[in-house]
Amino acid sequence: MSQASRVLITRPGERARPLREALDALGAESVALEVMRLEALPETQAQRSAWLDFDAYRHVIVVSPFAADCLAEALDRYWPQLPLGPRFYAVGAATAERLHRHLGVRVRVPPPGQGDTSEALLTLAGLRSLSEQKVLLVAGEGGRPLLAETLGARGARVTRLALYRRQCLPPAPEAAVWLARGEYRALVVTSGELLEHLAPWCGEAALNQPLIVSSPRLATLAGSLGFTKLHTATGATPAALAAAVAGACNLDGAEPDHDDLDKG
């Protein structure tokens, strides 16, 4: 594989596969760096209480595909037949697809064109006025407090459950060399945690290679970390990210403009 066609992606585990397929279809040679591991957490008393009282929640918000997997596994043990009351929400299309596949439920997602972000999800009409309504927020350890804080400010009684942990891993020796020397066509990152983790491994050449991110928030963070050729996809879906890579790397025949922060 040559440096000229190598596109590095950072999505962990099985989540990397759809993005790799989308990039490979464009003629790029994608490589998953495997720099993050997701691990389900042991069940706690707080989780058991939430599962037993699941029918009392008006809204259930799931922030990632792995959170959807963990939620489905728990509900399968406690609720052979799901209650009809809760409304399901997902931050992104991939998470919504997992919920629908596992649970067969209708899932509300951010409005079209606004991206797969917590900010976009919060614009939905059903989440604007929440006086005393119970909301279950299903996520991983850590992460942004925006959803819980905003929903609480809108009057919701929020229960946030961390069902898994993220563990950042060092790049494999070969990948560490690529990052140090900038020996790749583009780098795709959709997580602020991963962006901060990888930045110290990136040499000056890497900081001047195209970096594709999934939101303006990540573009701002990337700029503060020293990355200079930033390209913001229209969302975090494989199609949106692949389109941003195509624009950044001239895979579609267009002349790239490395100063434009709104590619995709």
Protein backbone atom coordinates (compact mmCIF):
# COMPACT_ATOMS: atom_id res chain seq x y z
CA MET A 1 0.00 0.00 0.00
CA SER A 2 1.43 3.39 -0.97
CA GLN A 3 1.40 6.57 1.06
CA ALA A 4 -0.43 8.26 -1.82
CA SER A 5 -3.58 6.16 -1.31
CA ARG A 6 -3.48 5.39 2.42
CA VAL A 7 -6.39 6.83 4.46
CA LEU A 8 -6.23 6.28 8.21
CA ILE A 9 -9.47 5.86 10.15
CA THR A 10 -9.95 5.67 13.90
CA ARG A 11 -13.39 4.18 14.54
CA PRO A 12 -13.07 1.25 16.93
CA GLY A 13 -13.84 -2.37 16.17
CA GLU A 14 -16.78 -3.26 13.96
CA ARG A 15 -17.73 0.41 13.58
CA ALA A 16 -14.79 0.84 11.19
CA ARG A 17 -16.13 -1.58 8.59
CA PRO A 18 -18.84 0.57 6.87
CA LEU A 19 -16.45 3.52 6.64
CA ARG A 20 -13.70 1.33 5.20
CA GLU A 21 -16.10 0.02 2.57
CA ALA A 22 -17.20 3.54 1.63
CA LEU A 23 -13.60 4.70 1.28
CA ASP A 24 -12.47 1.63 -0.62
CA ALA A 25 -15.30 2.23 -3.11
CA LEU A 26 -13.68 5.59 -3.89
CA GLY A 27 -10.34 3.98 -4.63
CA ALA A 28 -8.74 4.89 -1.31
CA GLU A 29 -6.93 2.22 0.67
CA SER A 30 -8.26 2.57 4.19
CA VAL A 31 -6.45 1.40 7.31
CA ALA A 32 -8.14 1.14 10.72
CA LEU A 33 -5.68 2.27 13.38
CA GLU A 34 -7.36 0.35 16.24
CA VAL A 35 -6.43 2.99 18.81
CA MET A 36 -9.56 2.64 20.96
CA ARG A 37 -11.20 -0.35 22.63
CA LEU A 38 -14.81 -0.39 23.87
CA GLU A 39 -15.61 -2.54 26.90
CA ALA A 40 -19.03 -3.14 28.47
CA LEU A 41 -19.14 -2.35 32.20
CA PRO A 42 -20.44 -4.79 34.83
CA GLU A 43 -24.07 -4.21 35.74
CA THR A 44 -24.59 -1.90 38.72
CA GLN A 45 -27.50 -1.41 41.10
CA ALA A 46 -28.28 1.88 39.34
CA GLN A 47 -28.55 0.05 36.04
CA ARG A 48 -30.77 -2.67 37.48
CA SER A 49 -33.09 -0.04 38.94
CA ALA A 50 -33.31 1.73 35.58
CA TRP A 51 -34.08 -1.49 33.71
CA LEU A 52 -36.77 -2.51 36.20
CA ASP A 53 -38.38 0.95 35.94
CA PHE A 54 -37.82 1.28 32.20
CA ASP A 55 -41.52 1.77 31.45
CA ALA A 56 -41.50 4.94 33.59
CA TYR A 57 -39.17 6.80 31.23
CA ARG A 58 -40.75 9.13 28.71
CA HIS A 59 -37.61 9.56 26.60
CA VAL A 60 -34.61 7.26 26.07
CA ILE A 61 -31.59 8.88 24.42
CA VAL A 62 -28.74 6.70 23.14
CA VAL A 63 -25.49 8.37 22.14
CA SER A 64 -23.53 5.69 20.24
CA PRO A 65 -23.89 2.36 18.45
CA PHE A 66 -22.10 0.48 21.24
CA ALA A 67 -24.40 2.06 23.81
CA ALA A 68 -27.31 0.80 21.70
CA ASP A 69 -25.86 -2.72 21.75
CA CYS A 70 -25.44 -2.65 25.54
CA LEU A 71 -28.95 -1.27 26.04
CA ALA A 72 -30.51 -3.93 23.83
CA GLU A 73 -28.69 -6.70 25.67
CA ALA A 74 -29.95 -5.43 29.04
CA LEU A 75 -33.53 -4.93 27.92
CA ASP A 76 -33.61 -8.43 26.45
CA ARG A 77 -32.93 -9.79 29.94
CA TYR A 78 -35.44 -7.60 31.79
CA TRP A 79 -38.19 -6.96 29.22
CA PRO A 80 -39.05 -9.88 26.90
CA GLN A 81 -41.68 -7.51 25.48
CA LEU A 82 -40.79 -3.81 25.43
CA PRO A 83 -43.15 -1.34 27.09
CA LEU A 84 -44.88 1.09 24.74
CA GLY A 85 -44.26 4.27 26.71
CA PRO A 86 -40.64 5.32 26.06
CA ARG A 87 -39.70 7.31 22.97
CA PHE A 88 -36.28 6.46 21.59
CA TYR A 89 -33.73 8.99 20.32
CA ALA A 90 -30.29 8.54 18.78
CA VAL A 91 -27.54 11.08 18.18
CA GLY A 92 -26.62 9.52 14.82
CA ALA A 93 -27.97 7.34 12.05
CA ALA A 94 -25.72 4.39 12.92
CA THR A 95 -27.03 4.36 16.49
CA ALA A 96 -30.61 4.59 15.24
CA GLU A 97 -30.03 1.64 12.92
CA ARG A 98 -28.71 -0.49 15.79
CA LEU A 99 -31.71 0.35 17.98
CA HIS A 100 -34.17 -0.44 15.23
CA ARG A 101 -32.39 -3.69 14.36
CA HIS A 102 -32.14 -4.92 17.96
CA LEU A 103 -35.41 -3.61 19.41
CA GLY A 104 -37.65 -2.94 16.42
CA VAL A 105 -38.50 0.54 17.70
CA ARG A 106 -39.03 3.84 15.94
CA VAL A 107 -36.05 6.10 16.61
CA ARG A 108 -35.95 9.88 16.40
CA VAL A 109 -32.73 11.41 15.04
CA PRO A 110 -31.42 14.95 14.43
CA PRO A 111 -33.14 16.88 11.63
CA PRO A 112 -31.72 16.35 8.12
CA GLY A 113 -28.81 18.57 7.25
CA GLN A 114 -27.90 19.45 10.83
CA GLY A 115 -25.33 16.70 11.40
CA ASP A 116 -25.11 13.82 13.86
CA THR A 117 -24.46 15.88 16.99
CA SER A 118 -25.93 16.35 20.45
CA GLU A 119 -26.62 19.99 19.57
CA ALA A 120 -28.72 18.93 16.57
CA LEU A 121 -30.64 16.32 18.58
CA LEU A 122 -31.57 18.95 21.15
CA THR A 123 -33.42 20.95 18.47
CA LEU A 124 -36.11 18.27 18.17
CA ALA A 125 -39.51 19.50 19.30
CA GLY A 126 -40.06 16.52 21.61
CA LEU A 127 -37.04 17.50 23.71
CA ARG A 128 -37.73 21.20 24.13
CA SER A 129 -40.21 21.22 27.00
CA LEU A 130 -39.64 18.45 29.53
CA SER A 131 -41.16 19.57 32.82
CA GLU A 132 -40.77 16.65 35.28
CA GLN A 133 -40.51 14.11 32.44
CA LYS A 134 -38.15 11.21 33.11
CA VAL A 135 -35.32 10.90 30.61
CA LEU A 136 -32.85 8.02 30.41
CA LEU A 137 -29.52 8.92 28.82
CA VAL A 138 -27.52 5.86 27.74
CA ALA A 139 -23.83 6.51 27.08
CA GLY A 140 -20.27 5.53 27.95
CA GLU A 141 -18.05 6.67 30.78
CA GLY A 142 -17.04 10.30 30.61
CA GLY A 143 -18.09 12.14 27.49
CA ARG A 144 -19.68 15.54 27.06
CA PRO A 145 -22.17 16.76 29.69
CA LEU A 146 -24.15 18.82 27.17
CA LEU A 147 -27.15 16.51 26.82
CA ALA A 148 -27.66 15.88 30.53
CA GLU A 149 -27.17 19.54 31.47
CA THR A 150 -29.44 20.91 28.75
CA LEU A 151 -32.21 18.40 29.36
CA GLY A 152 -32.03 19.10 33.09
CA ALA A 153 -32.27 22.84 32.43
CA ARG A 154 -35.40 22.15 30.39
CA GLY A 155 -37.06 20.53 33.40
CA ALA A 156 -36.31 16.85 32.77
CA ARG A 157 -35.50 14.35 35.49
CA VAL A 158 -32.41 12.86 33.88
CA THR A 159 -30.85 9.50 34.67
CA ARG A 160 -27.50 9.03 32.95
CA LEU A 161 -26.20 5.48 32.73
CA ALA A 162 -22.64 4.68 31.66
CA LEU A 163 -22.78 1.19 30.12
CA TYR A 164 -19.26 0.96 28.71
CA ARG A 165 -15.80 2.44 28.91
CA ARG A 166 -13.44 3.62 26.19
CA GLN A 167 -9.77 2.74 26.41
CA CYS A 168 -7.31 4.60 24.19
CA LEU A 169 -4.45 2.47 22.86
CA PRO A 170 -1.10 3.43 21.38
CA PRO A 171 -0.83 3.08 17.60
CA ALA A 172 0.86 -0.05 16.32
CA PRO A 173 4.57 0.53 15.52
CA GLU A 174 3.99 0.87 11.77
CA ALA A 175 1.08 3.27 12.29
CA ALA A 176 3.15 5.31 14.74
CA VAL A 177 5.71 5.83 11.97
CA TRP A 178 3.00 6.93 9.54
CA LEU A 179 1.72 9.49 12.03
CA ALA A 180 5.17 10.76 12.93
CA ARG A 181 6.13 11.24 9.27
CA GLY A 182 2.74 12.13 7.82
CA GLU A 183 2.91 9.11 5.53
CA TYR A 184 -0.75 8.94 4.56
CA ARG A 185 -3.23 10.68 2.28
CA ALA A 186 -5.74 11.67 5.00
CA LEU A 187 -6.70 10.98 8.61
CA VAL A 188 -10.37 10.61 9.65
CA VAL A 189 -11.33 11.28 13.29
CA THR A 190 -14.88 11.55 14.69
CA SER A 191 -14.12 11.74 18.42
CA GLY A 192 -12.61 14.55 20.44
CA GLU A 193 -11.12 12.03 22.84
CA LEU A 194 -9.35 10.24 19.99
CA LEU A 195 -8.22 13.50 18.44
CA GLU A 196 -6.53 14.55 21.68
CA HIS A 197 -5.06 11.06 22.08
CA LEU A 198 -3.52 11.01 18.59
CA ALA A 199 -2.21 14.58 18.45
CA PRO A 200 1.02 13.85 20.40
CA TRP A 201 1.84 11.05 17.94
CA CYS A 202 1.55 13.38 14.94
CA GLY A 203 4.72 15.00 13.67
CA GLU A 204 4.85 18.29 11.77
CA ALA A 205 4.22 16.57 8.45
CA ALA A 206 1.10 14.88 9.84
CA LEU A 207 -0.22 18.18 11.19
CA ASN A 208 -0.09 19.46 7.63
CA GLN A 209 -1.86 16.49 6.07
CA PRO A 210 -5.67 16.56 5.48
CA LEU A 211 -7.65 15.84 8.63
CA ILE A 212 -11.33 14.98 8.19
CA VAL A 213 -13.60 15.53 11.20
CA SER A 214 -17.34 15.15 11.63
CA SER A 215 -18.38 18.46 13.20
CA PRO A 216 -17.36 22.12 13.52
CA ARG A 217 -16.68 21.49 17.22
CA LEU A 218 -14.03 18.91 16.32
CA ALA A 219 -12.57 21.23 13.67
CA THR A 220 -12.11 23.90 16.33
CA LEU A 221 -10.43 21.38 18.64
CA ALA A 222 -8.19 20.15 15.82
CA GLY A 223 -7.07 23.69 15.06
CA SER A 224 -6.14 24.22 18.69
CA LEU A 225 -4.04 21.03 18.57
CA GLY A 226 -2.03 22.28 15.60
CA PHE A 227 -3.71 20.58 12.62
CA THR A 228 -3.78 22.94 9.66
CA LYS A 229 -5.60 21.23 6.77
CA LEU A 230 -9.05 20.74 8.24
CA HIS A 231 -12.07 19.39 6.40
CA THR A 232 -15.43 19.15 8.14
CA ALA A 233 -17.83 16.50 6.86
CA THR A 234 -21.56 17.14 6.83
CA GLY A 235 -22.00 14.43 9.46
CA ALA A 236 -20.53 11.30 10.96
CA THR A 237 -22.08 8.78 8.57
CA PRO A 238 -19.74 6.72 6.37
CA ALA A 239 -21.15 8.43 3.27
CA ALA A 240 -20.55 11.93 4.65
CA LEU A 241 -17.03 11.11 5.81
CA ALA A 242 -16.14 9.42 2.54
CA ALA A 243 -17.41 12.44 0.60
CA ALA A 244 -15.22 14.72 2.72
CA VAL A 245 -12.20 12.48 2.08
CA ALA A 246 -12.94 12.59 -1.65
CA GLY A 247 -13.01 16.38 -1.61
CA ALA A 248 -9.91 16.70 0.54
CA CYS A 249 -7.87 14.20 -1.49
CA ASN A 250 -9.17 15.06 -4.95
CA LEU A 251 -10.63 11.56 -5.39
CA ASP A 252 -13.62 13.00 -7.25
CA GLY A 253 -11.55 15.02 -9.71
CA ALA A 254 -12.16 18.34 -7.94
CA GLU A 255 -9.33 20.67 -7.07
CA PRO A 256 -8.90 20.52 -3.26
CA ASP A 257 -8.91 23.70 -1.21
CA HIS A 258 -7.08 22.98 2.01
CA ASP A 259 -8.14 26.26 3.62
CA ASP A 260 -11.83 25.46 3.54
CA LEU A 261 -13.13 24.19 6.88
CA ASP A 262 -16.51 23.07 5.51
CA LYS A 263 -15.71 20.28 3.11
CA GLY A 264 -18.02 17.38 2.49
